Amino acid sequence: MEKQSSSEITNNVNSALLDQLGATFKPLDKDLKSKLKINNGVQIDELKDGILSNAGIKKGFIITRVDKKPIQNVEDLMSYLQNKDGGILIEGIYPNGMRAYYGFGL
């Protein structure tokens, strides 16, 4: 049996988690950060059937915090969520400036 490296295992976990969430993410550009007056977050780039769309989250939503923990980048989001079990609170903002909060279980 072939041994997987820890980065391969991490990638497999992230891939499964992304499928479960039903989303892909991208870093925020500086213009959007300054327009919305935020310092951190990741933006939902693509959204398909999954936990996030079922929770009512729309494409373009910027996740700024998960369970009150600031999210700086996609790696932050993935490492936090892959170790999480149970209820999750996501805070963020839409590009139009509307703030929103979503709760769901993993």
PDB file of N, CA and C in Angstrom:
ATOM      1  N   MET A   1       0.848  -1.186   0.000  1.00  0.00           N
ATOM      2  CA  MET A   1       0.000   0.000   0.000  1.00  0.00           C
ATOM      3  C   MET A   1       0.895   1.253   0.000  1.00  0.00           C
ATOM      4  N   GLU A   2       0.545   2.199  -0.845  1.00  0.00           N
ATOM      5  CA  GLU A   2       1.326   3.438  -0.949  1.00  0.00           C
ATOM      6  C   GLU A   2       1.044   4.367   0.216  1.00  0.00           C
ATOM      7  N   LYS A   3       2.099   4.968   0.724  1.00  0.00           N
ATOM      8  CA  LYS A   3       1.919   5.938   1.813  1.00  0.00           C
ATOM      9  C   LYS A   3       1.694   7.323   1.221  1.00  0.00           C
ATOM     10  N   GLN A   4       0.742   8.049   1.757  1.00  0.00           N
ATOM     11  CA  GLN A   4       0.498   9.409   1.288  1.00  0.00           C
ATOM     12  C   GLN A   4       1.270  10.390   2.149  1.00  0.00           C
ATOM     13  N   SER A   5       1.769  11.434   1.513  1.00  0.00           N
ATOM     14  CA  SER A   5       2.427  12.482   2.296  1.00  0.00           C
ATOM     15  C   SER A   5       1.355  13.271   3.039  1.00  0.00           C
ATOM     16  N   SER A   6       1.772  13.981   4.102  1.00  0.00           N
ATOM     17  CA  SER A   6       0.781  14.742   4.870  1.00  0.00           C
ATOM     18  C   SER A   6       0.131  15.825   4.021  1.00  0.00           C
ATOM     19  N   SER A   7       0.874  16.402   3.056  1.00  0.00           N
ATOM     20  CA  SER A   7       0.251  17.433   2.204  1.00  0.00           C
ATOM     21  C   SER A   7      -0.786  16.811   1.275  1.00  0.00           C
ATOM     22  N   GLU A   8      -0.545  15.575   0.810  1.00  0.00           N
ATOM     23  CA  GLU A   8      -1.549  14.900  -0.026  1.00  0.00           C
ATOM     24  C   GLU A   8      -2.805  14.605   0.789  1.00  0.00           C
ATOM     25  N   ILE A   9      -2.601  14.156   2.019  1.00  0.00           N
ATOM     26  CA  ILE A   9      -3.739  13.864   2.896  1.00  0.00           C
ATOM     27  C   ILE A   9      -4.513  15.154   3.162  1.00  0.00           C
ATOM     28  N   THR A  10      -3.788  16.238   3.454  1.00  0.00           N
ATOM     29  CA  THR A  10      -4.426  17.530   3.680  1.00  0.00           C
ATOM     30  C   THR A  10      -5.220  17.957   2.450  1.00  0.00           C
ATOM     31  N   ASN A  11      -4.630  17.787   1.261  1.00  0.00           N
ATOM     32  CA  ASN A  11      -5.332  18.147   0.027  1.00  0.00           C
ATOM     33  C   ASN A  11      -6.583  17.309  -0.164  1.00  0.00           C
ATOM     34  N   ASN A  12      -6.518  16.016   0.167  1.00  0.00           N
ATOM     35  CA  ASN A  12      -7.696  15.148   0.049  1.00  0.00           C
ATOM     36  C   ASN A  12      -8.789  15.586   1.014  1.00  0.00           C
ATOM     37  N   VAL A  13      -8.403  15.924   2.241  1.00  0.00           N
ATOM     38  CA  VAL A  13      -9.366  16.397   3.237  1.00  0.00           C
ATOM     39  C   VAL A  13      -9.988  17.704   2.757  1.00  0.00           C
ATOM     40  N   ASN A  14      -9.141  18.643   2.274  1.00  0.00           N
ATOM     41  CA  ASN A  14      -9.649  19.921   1.766  1.00  0.00           C
ATOM     42  C   ASN A  14     -10.589  19.714   0.593  1.00  0.00           C
ATOM     43  N   SER A  15     -10.234  18.810  -0.305  1.00  0.00           N
ATOM     44  CA  SER A  15     -11.068  18.544  -1.478  1.00  0.00           C
ATOM     45  C   SER A  15     -12.438  18.007  -1.044  1.00  0.00           C
ATOM     46  N   ALA A  16     -12.441  17.073  -0.104  1.00  0.00           N
ATOM     47  CA  ALA A  16     -13.706  16.526   0.399  1.00  0.00           C
ATOM     48  C   ALA A  16     -14.513  17.615   1.106  1.00  0.00           C
ATOM     49  N   LEU A  17     -13.827  18.452   1.867  1.00  0.00           N
ATOM     50  CA  LEU A  17     -14.491  19.543   2.586  1.00  0.00           C
ATOM     51  C   LEU A  17     -15.074  20.559   1.608  1.00  0.00           C
ATOM     52  N   LEU A  18     -14.319  20.897   0.565  1.00  0.00           N
ATOM     53  CA  LEU A  18     -14.819  21.831  -0.453  1.00  0.00           C
ATOM     54  C   LEU A  18     -16.049  21.268  -1.148  1.00  0.00           C
ATOM     55  N   ASP A  19     -16.046  19.957  -1.429  1.00  0.00           N
ATOM     56  CA  ASP A  19     -17.221  19.315  -2.034  1.00  0.00           C
ATOM     57  C   ASP A  19     -18.419  19.409  -1.107  1.00  0.00           C
ATOM     58  N   GLN A  20     -18.177  19.164   0.172  1.00  0.00           N
ATOM     59  CA  GLN A  20     -19.242  19.222   1.176  1.00  0.00           C
ATOM     60  C   GLN A  20     -19.803  20.652   1.277  1.00  0.00           C
ATOM     61  N   LEU A  21     -18.906  21.639   1.291  1.00  0.00           N
ATOM     62  CA  LEU A  21     -19.330  23.035   1.371  1.00  0.00           C
ATOM     63  C   LEU A  21     -19.998  23.480   0.079  1.00  0.00           C
ATOM     64  N   GLY A  22     -19.555  22.919  -1.046  1.00  0.00           N
ATOM     65  CA  GLY A  22     -20.110  23.279  -2.347  1.00  0.00           C
ATOM     66  C   GLY A  22     -19.617  24.631  -2.831  1.00  0.00           C
ATOM     67  N   ALA A  23     -18.348  24.946  -2.536  1.00  0.00           N
ATOM     68  CA  ALA A  23     -17.836  26.269  -2.908  1.00  0.00           C
ATOM     69  C   ALA A  23     -16.344  26.224  -3.194  1.00  0.00           C
ATOM     70  N   THR A  24     -15.906  27.196  -3.991  1.00  0.00           N
ATOM     71  CA  THR A  24     -14.479  27.466  -4.124  1.00  0.00           C
ATOM     72  C   THR A  24     -14.294  28.915  -3.673  1.00  0.00           C
ATOM     73  N   PHE A  25     -13.100  29.210  -3.202  1.00  0.00           N
ATOM     74  CA  PHE A  25     -12.825  30.512  -2.599  1.00  0.00           C
ATOM     75  C   PHE A  25     -11.655  31.185  -3.276  1.00  0.00           C
ATOM     76  N   LYS A  26     -11.626  32.508  -3.190  1.00  0.00           N
ATOM     77  CA  LYS A  26     -10.486  33.261  -3.708  1.00  0.00           C
ATOM     78  C   LYS A  26     -10.105  34.345  -2.701  1.00  0.00           C
ATOM     79  N   PRO A  27      -8.835  34.755  -2.724  1.00  0.00           N
ATOM     80  CA  PRO A  27      -8.414  35.832  -1.819  1.00  0.00           C
ATOM     81  C   PRO A  27      -9.082  37.142  -2.217  1.00  0.00           C
ATOM     82  N   LEU A  28      -9.178  38.059  -1.279  1.00  0.00           N
ATOM     83  CA  LEU A  28      -9.763  39.376  -1.553  1.00  0.00           C
ATOM     84  C   LEU A  28      -8.737  40.290  -2.193  1.00  0.00           C
ATOM     85  N   ASP A  29      -9.183  41.107  -3.125  1.00  0.00           N
ATOM     86  CA  ASP A  29      -8.245  42.098  -3.660  1.00  0.00           C
ATOM     87  C   ASP A  29      -8.278  43.354  -2.786  1.00  0.00           C
ATOM     88  N   LYS A  30      -7.193  44.114  -2.852  1.00  0.00           N
ATOM     89  CA  LYS A  30      -7.027  45.294  -1.983  1.00  0.00           C
ATOM     90  C   LYS A  30      -8.142  46.315  -2.176  1.00  0.00           C
ATOM     91  N   ASP A  31      -8.587  46.515  -3.422  1.00  0.00           N
ATOM     92  CA  ASP A  31      -9.642  47.498  -3.695  1.00  0.00           C
ATOM     93  C   ASP A  31     -10.930  47.158  -2.958  1.00  0.00           C
ATOM     94  N   LEU A  32     -11.301  45.883  -3.003  1.00  0.00           N
ATOM     95  CA  LEU A  32     -12.532  45.454  -2.340  1.00  0.00           C
ATOM     96  C   LEU A  32     -12.387  45.589  -0.825  1.00  0.00           C
ATOM     97  N   LYS A  33     -11.225  45.220  -0.292  1.00  0.00           N
ATOM     98  CA  LYS A  33     -10.984  45.376   1.153  1.00  0.00           C
ATOM     99  C   LYS A  33     -11.153  46.823   1.579  1.00  0.00           C
ATOM    100  N   SER A  34     -10.555  47.743   0.822  1.00  0.00           N
ATOM    101  CA  SER A  34     -10.636  49.148   1.238  1.00  0.00           C
ATOM    102  C   SER A  34     -12.042  49.701   1.032  1.00  0.00           C
ATOM    103  N   LYS A  35     -12.723  49.300  -0.037  1.00  0.00           N
ATOM    104  CA  LYS A  35     -14.097  49.738  -0.280  1.00  0.00           C
ATOM    105  C   LYS A  35     -15.018  49.317   0.871  1.00  0.00           C
ATOM    106  N   LEU A  36     -14.842  48.080   1.354  1.00  0.00           N
ATOM    107  CA  LEU A  36     -15.710  47.553   2.409  1.00  0.00           C
ATOM    108  C   LEU A  36     -15.172  47.829   3.810  1.00  0.00           C
ATOM    109  N   LYS A  37     -13.982  48.443   3.864  1.00  0.00           N
ATOM    110  CA  LYS A  37     -13.332  48.748   5.155  1.00  0.00           C
ATOM    111  C   LYS A  37     -13.162  47.498   6.017  1.00  0.00           C
ATOM    112  N   ILE A  38     -12.631  46.441   5.386  1.00  0.00           N
ATOM    113  CA  ILE A  38     -12.318  45.208   6.119  1.00  0.00           C
ATOM    114  C   ILE A  38     -10.839  44.888   5.916  1.00  0.00           C
ATOM    115  N   ASN A  39     -10.275  44.132   6.841  1.00  0.00           N
ATOM    116  CA  ASN A  39      -8.851  43.806   6.782  1.00  0.00           C
ATOM    117  C   ASN A  39      -8.574  42.364   6.403  1.00  0.00           C
ATOM    118  N   ASN A  40      -9.593  41.531   6.421  1.00  0.00           N
ATOM    119  CA  ASN A  40      -9.368  40.107   6.175  1.00  0.00           C
ATOM    120  C   ASN A  40     -10.613  39.485   5.565  1.00  0.00           C
ATOM    121  N   GLY A  41     -10.445  38.254   5.088  1.00  0.00           N
ATOM    122  CA  GLY A  41     -11.573  37.503   4.551  1.00  0.00           C
ATOM    123  C   GLY A  41     -11.227  36.768   3.276  1.00  0.00           C
ATOM    124  N   VAL A  42     -12.085  35.824   2.919  1.00  0.00           N
ATOM    125  CA  VAL A  42     -11.992  35.123   1.643  1.00  0.00           C
ATOM    126  C   VAL A  42     -13.360  35.198   0.977  1.00  0.00           C
ATOM    127  N   GLN A  43     -13.340  35.284  -0.342  1.00  0.00           N
ATOM    128  CA  GLN A  43     -14.586  35.456  -1.087  1.00  0.00           C
ATOM    129  C   GLN A  43     -15.002  34.151  -1.753  1.00  0.00           C
ATOM    130  N   ILE A  44     -16.298  33.889  -1.757  1.00  0.00           N
ATOM    131  CA  ILE A  44     -16.818  32.712  -2.453  1.00  0.00           C
ATOM    132  C   ILE A  44     -16.791  33.016  -3.946  1.00  0.00           C
ATOM    133  N   ASP A  45     -16.007  32.212  -4.660  1.00  0.00           N
ATOM    134  CA  ASP A  45     -15.797  32.403  -6.092  1.00  0.00           C
ATOM    135  C   ASP A  45     -16.852  31.647  -6.897  1.00  0.00           C
ATOM    136  N   GLU A  46     -17.063  30.397  -6.553  1.00  0.00           N
ATOM    137  CA  GLU A  46     -18.071  29.558  -7.213  1.00  0.00           C
ATOM    138  C   GLU A  46     -18.906  28.894  -6.130  1.00  0.00           C
ATOM    139  N   LEU A  47     -20.187  28.703  -6.420  1.00  0.00           N
ATOM    140  CA  LEU A  47     -21.087  28.088  -5.453  1.00  0.00           C
ATOM    141  C   LEU A  47     -21.980  27.093  -6.166  1.00  0.00           C
ATOM    142  N   LYS A  48     -22.012  25.869  -5.641  1.00  0.00           N
ATOM    143  CA  LYS A  48     -22.929  24.862  -6.175  1.00  0.00           C
ATOM    144  C   LYS A  48     -23.656  24.234  -4.993  1.00  0.00           C
ATOM    145  N   ASP A  49     -24.417  23.177  -5.244  1.00  0.00           N
ATOM    146  CA  ASP A  49     -25.158  22.538  -4.144  1.00  0.00           C
ATOM    147  C   ASP A  49     -24.206  22.107  -3.044  1.00  0.00           C
ATOM    148  N   GLY A  50     -24.553  22.447  -1.824  1.00  0.00           N
ATOM    149  CA  GLY A  50     -23.726  22.071  -0.689  1.00  0.00           C
ATOM    150  C   GLY A  50     -24.207  22.790   0.555  1.00  0.00           C
ATOM    151  N   ILE A  51     -23.432  22.651   1.610  1.00  0.00           N
ATOM    152  CA  ILE A  51     -23.791  23.218   2.911  1.00  0.00           C
ATOM    153  C   ILE A  51     -23.991  24.733   2.834  1.00  0.00           C
ATOM    154  N   LEU A  52     -23.079  25.432   2.153  1.00  0.00           N
ATOM    155  CA  LEU A  52     -23.155  26.902   2.134  1.00  0.00           C
ATOM    156  C   LEU A  52     -24.395  27.403   1.405  1.00  0.00           C
ATOM    157  N   SER A  53     -24.684  26.846   0.221  1.00  0.00           N
ATOM    158  CA  SER A  53     -25.876  27.314  -0.506  1.00  0.00           C
ATOM    159  C   SER A  53     -27.148  26.925   0.253  1.00  0.00           C
ATOM    160  N   ASN A  54     -27.144  25.758   0.905  1.00  0.00           N
ATOM    161  CA  ASN A  54     -28.305  25.344   1.707  1.00  0.00           C
ATOM    162  C   ASN A  54     -28.534  26.279   2.885  1.00  0.00           C
ATOM    163  N   ALA A  55     -27.451  26.885   3.385  1.00  0.00           N
ATOM    164  CA  ALA A  55     -27.570  27.822   4.512  1.00  0.00           C
ATOM    165  C   ALA A  55     -28.057  29.195   4.036  1.00  0.00           C
ATOM    166  N   GLY A  56     -28.132  29.393   2.713  1.00  0.00           N
ATOM    167  CA  GLY A  56     -28.631  30.657   2.175  1.00  0.00           C
ATOM    168  C   GLY A  56     -27.535  31.608   1.716  1.00  0.00           C
ATOM    169  N   ILE A  57     -26.291  31.169   1.785  1.00  0.00           N
ATOM    170  CA  ILE A  57     -25.169  32.017   1.363  1.00  0.00           C
ATOM    171  C   ILE A  57     -25.146  32.117  -0.160  1.00  0.00           C
ATOM    172  N   LYS A  58     -24.868  33.308  -0.657  1.00  0.00           N
ATOM    173  CA  LYS A  58     -24.837  33.561  -2.102  1.00  0.00           C
ATOM    174  C   LYS A  58     -23.399  33.727  -2.595  1.00  0.00           C
ATOM    175  N   LYS A  59     -23.218  33.509  -3.897  1.00  0.00           N
ATOM    176  CA  LYS A  59     -21.908  33.703  -4.525  1.00  0.00           C
ATOM    177  C   LYS A  59     -21.443  35.144  -4.309  1.00  0.00           C
ATOM    178  N   GLY A  60     -20.153  35.308  -4.051  1.00  0.00           N
ATOM    179  CA  GLY A  60     -19.612  36.641  -3.829  1.00  0.00           C
ATOM    180  C   GLY A  60     -19.487  37.002  -2.358  1.00  0.00           C
ATOM    181  N   PHE A  61     -20.158  36.226  -1.496  1.00  0.00           N
ATOM    182  CA  PHE A  61     -20.095  36.492  -0.052  1.00  0.00           C
ATOM    183  C   PHE A  61     -18.648  36.397   0.421  1.00  0.00           C
ATOM    184  N   ILE A  62     -18.275  37.309   1.314  1.00  0.00           N
ATOM    185  CA  ILE A  62     -16.917  37.338   1.857  1.00  0.00           C
ATOM    186  C   ILE A  62     -16.978  36.862   3.305  1.00  0.00           C
ATOM    187  N   ILE A  63     -16.325  35.733   3.560  1.00  0.00           N
ATOM    188  CA  ILE A  63     -16.277  35.194   4.925  1.00  0.00           C
ATOM    189  C   ILE A  63     -15.158  35.911   5.668  1.00  0.00           C
ATOM    190  N   THR A  64     -15.512  36.647   6.721  1.00  0.00           N
ATOM    191  CA  THR A  64     -14.506  37.376   7.491  1.00  0.00           C
ATOM    192  C   THR A  64     -14.173  36.672   8.805  1.00  0.00           C
ATOM    193  N   ARG A  65     -15.151  35.947   9.367  1.00  0.00           N
ATOM    194  CA  ARG A  65     -14.917  35.235  10.635  1.00  0.00           C
ATOM    195  C   ARG A  65     -15.683  33.921  10.654  1.00  0.00           C
ATOM    196  N   VAL A  66     -15.083  32.933  11.288  1.00  0.00           N
ATOM    197  CA  VAL A  66     -15.764  31.669  11.561  1.00  0.00           C
ATOM    198  C   VAL A  66     -15.671  31.463  13.061  1.00  0.00           C
ATOM    199  N   ASP A  67     -16.830  31.347  13.706  1.00  0.00           N
ATOM    200  CA  ASP A  67     -16.884  31.232  15.172  1.00  0.00           C
ATOM    201  C   ASP A  67     -16.052  32.324  15.845  1.00  0.00           C
ATOM    202  N   LYS A  68     -16.194  33.537  15.364  1.00  0.00           N
ATOM    203  CA  LYS A  68     -15.524  34.741  15.887  1.00  0.00           C
ATOM    204  C   LYS A  68     -14.012  34.777  15.650  1.00  0.00           C
ATOM    205  N   LYS A  69     -13.469  33.784  14.925  1.00  0.00           N
ATOM    206  CA  LYS A  69     -12.044  33.751  14.615  1.00  0.00           C
ATOM    207  C   LYS A  69     -11.828  34.397  13.247  1.00  0.00           C
ATOM    208  N   PRO A  70     -10.978  35.434  13.156  1.00  0.00           N
ATOM    209  CA  PRO A  70     -10.750  36.090  11.863  1.00  0.00           C
ATOM    210  C   PRO A  70     -10.151  35.132  10.831  1.00  0.00           C
ATOM    211  N   ILE A  71     -10.658  35.192   9.620  1.00  0.00           N
ATOM    212  CA  ILE A  71     -10.157  34.362   8.516  1.00  0.00           C
ATOM    213  C   ILE A  71      -9.326  35.256   7.601  1.00  0.00           C
ATOM    214  N   GLN A  72      -8.029  34.944   7.482  1.00  0.00           N
ATOM    215  CA  GLN A  72      -7.119  35.749   6.662  1.00  0.00           C
ATOM    216  C   GLN A  72      -7.059  35.259   5.220  1.00  0.00           C
ATOM    217  N   ASN A  73      -7.146  33.926   5.039  1.00  0.00           N
ATOM    218  CA  ASN A  73      -6.976  33.348   3.708  1.00  0.00           C
ATOM    219  C   ASN A  73      -7.674  31.987   3.645  1.00  0.00           C
ATOM    220  N   VAL A  74      -7.620  31.371   2.473  1.00  0.00           N
ATOM    221  CA  VAL A  74      -8.303  30.095   2.264  1.00  0.00           C
ATOM    222  C   VAL A  74      -7.726  29.016   3.184  1.00  0.00           C
ATOM    223  N   GLU A  75      -6.408  29.045   3.399  1.00  0.00           N
ATOM    224  CA  GLU A  75      -5.773  28.052   4.279  1.00  0.00           C
ATOM    225  C   GLU A  75      -6.332  28.145   5.699  1.00  0.00           C
ATOM    226  N   ASP A  76      -6.510  29.375   6.201  1.00  0.00           N
ATOM    227  CA  ASP A  76      -7.118  29.580   7.525  1.00  0.00           C
ATOM    228  C   ASP A  76      -8.488  28.912   7.591  1.00  0.00           C
ATOM    229  N   LEU A  77      -9.292  29.191   6.581  1.00  0.00           N
ATOM    230  CA  LEU A  77     -10.657  28.670   6.532  1.00  0.00           C
ATOM    231  C   LEU A  77     -10.655  27.146   6.532  1.00  0.00           C
ATOM    232  N   MET A  78      -9.845  26.561   5.652  1.00  0.00           N
ATOM    233  CA  MET A  78      -9.792  25.103   5.532  1.00  0.00           C
ATOM    234  C   MET A  78      -9.278  24.457   6.813  1.00  0.00           C
ATOM    235  N   SER A  79      -8.198  24.986   7.382  1.00  0.00           N
ATOM    236  CA  SER A  79      -7.641  24.348   8.578  1.00  0.00           C
ATOM    237  C   SER A  79      -8.610  24.467   9.756  1.00  0.00           C
ATOM    238  N   TYR A  80      -9.339  25.560   9.837  1.00  0.00           N
ATOM    239  CA  TYR A  80     -10.303  25.704  10.922  1.00  0.00           C
ATOM    240  C   TYR A  80     -11.469  24.728  10.737  1.00  0.00           C
ATOM    241  N   LEU A  81     -12.028  24.693   9.523  1.00  0.00           N
ATOM    242  CA  LEU A  81     -13.216  23.869   9.287  1.00  0.00           C
ATOM    243  C   LEU A  81     -12.925  22.373   9.323  1.00  0.00           C
ATOM    244  N   GLN A  82     -11.729  21.962   8.882  1.00  0.00           N
ATOM    245  CA  GLN A  82     -11.476  20.516   8.861  1.00  0.00           C
ATOM    246  C   GLN A  82     -11.338  19.930  10.259  1.00  0.00           C
ATOM    247  N   ASN A  83     -11.070  20.759  11.251  1.00  0.00           N
ATOM    248  CA  ASN A  83     -10.969  20.279  12.631  1.00  0.00           C
ATOM    249  C   ASN A  83     -12.239  20.535  13.431  1.00  0.00           C
ATOM    250  N   LYS A  84     -13.283  20.980  12.752  1.00  0.00           N
ATOM    251  CA  LYS A  84     -14.511  21.402  13.413  1.00  0.00           C
ATOM    252  C   LYS A  84     -15.567  20.321  13.289  1.00  0.00           C
ATOM    253  N   ASP A  85     -16.351  20.184  14.347  1.00  0.00           N
ATOM    254  CA  ASP A  85     -17.464  19.250  14.338  1.00  0.00           C
ATOM    255  C   ASP A  85     -18.625  19.958  15.028  1.00  0.00           C
ATOM    256  N   GLY A  86     -19.807  19.865  14.452  1.00  0.00           N
ATOM    257  CA  GLY A  86     -20.966  20.499  15.082  1.00  0.00           C
ATOM    258  C   GLY A  86     -21.297  21.837  14.462  1.00  0.00           C
ATOM    259  N   GLY A  87     -21.869  22.736  15.261  1.00  0.00           N
ATOM    260  CA  GLY A  87     -22.361  24.009  14.768  1.00  0.00           C
ATOM    261  C   GLY A  87     -21.263  25.011  14.463  1.00  0.00           C
ATOM    262  N   ILE A  88     -21.489  25.794  13.423  1.00  0.00           N
ATOM    263  CA  ILE A  88     -20.528  26.802  12.982  1.00  0.00           C
ATOM    264  C   ILE A  88     -21.274  28.102  12.707  1.00  0.00           C
ATOM    265  N   LEU A  89     -20.694  29.212  13.131  1.00  0.00           N
ATOM    266  CA  LEU A  89     -21.236  30.531  12.813  1.00  0.00           C
ATOM    267  C   LEU A  89     -20.274  31.219  11.847  1.00  0.00           C
ATOM    268  N   ILE A  90     -20.779  31.600  10.697  1.00  0.00           N
ATOM    269  CA  ILE A  90     -19.977  32.317   9.707  1.00  0.00           C
ATOM    270  C   ILE A  90     -20.458  33.762   9.657  1.00  0.00           C
ATOM    271  N   GLU A  91     -19.512  34.693   9.774  1.00  0.00           N
ATOM    272  CA  GLU A  91     -19.816  36.118   9.661  1.00  0.00           C
ATOM    273  C   GLU A  91     -19.136  36.638   8.400  1.00  0.00           C
ATOM    274  N   GLY A  92     -19.776  37.610   7.787  1.00  0.00           N
ATOM    275  CA  GLY A  92     -19.157  38.182   6.608  1.00  0.00           C
ATOM    276  C   GLY A  92     -19.948  39.329   6.036  1.00  0.00           C
ATOM    277  N   ILE A  93     -19.589  39.646   4.798  1.00  0.00           N
ATOM    278  CA  ILE A  93     -20.158  40.814   4.135  1.00  0.00           C
ATOM    279  C   ILE A  93     -20.256  40.531   2.638  1.00  0.00           C
ATOM    280  N   TYR A  94     -21.278  41.077   2.029  1.00  0.00           N
ATOM    281  CA  TYR A  94     -21.413  40.977   0.574  1.00  0.00           C
ATOM    282  C   TYR A  94     -20.726  42.185  -0.067  1.00  0.00           C
ATOM    283  N   PRO A  95     -20.330  42.063  -1.342  1.00  0.00           N
ATOM    284  CA  PRO A  95     -19.657  43.182  -2.010  1.00  0.00           C
ATOM    285  C   PRO A  95     -20.448  44.497  -2.002  1.00  0.00           C
ATOM    286  N   ASN A  96     -21.782  44.408  -1.809  1.00  0.00           N
ATOM    287  CA  ASN A  96     -22.596  45.628  -1.756  1.00  0.00           C
ATOM    288  C   ASN A  96     -22.580  46.273  -0.364  1.00  0.00           C
ATOM    289  N   GLY A  97     -21.853  45.658   0.588  1.00  0.00           N
ATOM    290  CA  GLY A  97     -21.739  46.222   1.925  1.00  0.00           C
ATOM    291  C   GLY A  97     -22.690  45.623   2.948  1.00  0.00           C
ATOM    292  N   MET A  98     -23.590  44.742   2.517  1.00  0.00           N
ATOM    293  CA  MET A  98     -24.539  44.133   3.444  1.00  0.00           C
ATOM    294  C   MET A  98     -23.844  43.055   4.280  1.00  0.00           C
ATOM    295  N   ARG A  99     -23.907  43.218   5.603  1.00  0.00           N
ATOM    296  CA  ARG A  99     -23.320  42.219   6.506  1.00  0.00           C
ATOM    297  C   ARG A  99     -24.324  41.090   6.710  1.00  0.00           C
ATOM    298  N   ALA A 100     -23.793  39.875   6.909  1.00  0.00           N
ATOM    299  CA  ALA A 100     -24.678  38.733   7.103  1.00  0.00           C
ATOM    300  C   ALA A 100     -24.015  37.707   8.018  1.00  0.00           C
ATOM    301  N   TYR A 101     -24.854  36.888   8.648  1.00  0.00           N
ATOM    302  CA  TYR A 101     -24.413  35.852   9.580  1.00  0.00           C
ATOM    303  C   TYR A 101     -25.160  34.574   9.225  1.00  0.00           C
ATOM    304  N   TYR A 102     -24.427  33.476   9.172  1.00  0.00           N
ATOM    305  CA  TYR A 102     -25.038  32.188   8.835  1.00  0.00           C
ATOM    306  C   TYR A 102     -24.573  31.135   9.822  1.00  0.00           C
ATOM    307  N   GLY A 103     -25.494  30.283  10.228  1.00  0.00           N
ATOM    308  CA  GLY A 103     -25.142  29.176  11.109  1.00  0.00           C
ATOM    309  C   GLY A 103     -25.528  27.861  10.446  1.00  0.00           C
ATOM    310  N   PHE A 104     -24.689  26.852  10.611  1.00  0.00           N
ATOM    311  CA  PHE A 104     -24.987  25.524  10.074  1.00  0.00           C
ATOM    312  C   PHE A 104     -24.142  24.492  10.812  1.00  0.00           C
ATOM    313  N   GLY A 105     -24.459  23.224  10.585  1.00  0.00           N
ATOM    314  CA  GLY A 105     -23.696  22.141  11.209  1.00  0.00           C
ATOM    315  C   GLY A 105     -22.849  21.422  10.188  1.00  0.00           C
ATOM    316  N   LEU A 106     -21.719  20.907  10.651  1.00  0.00           N
ATOM    317  CA  LEU A 106     -20.838  20.116   9.767  1.00  0.00           C
ATOM    318  C   LEU A 106     -20.940  18.654  10.114  1.00  0.00           C
TER     319      LEU A 106
END
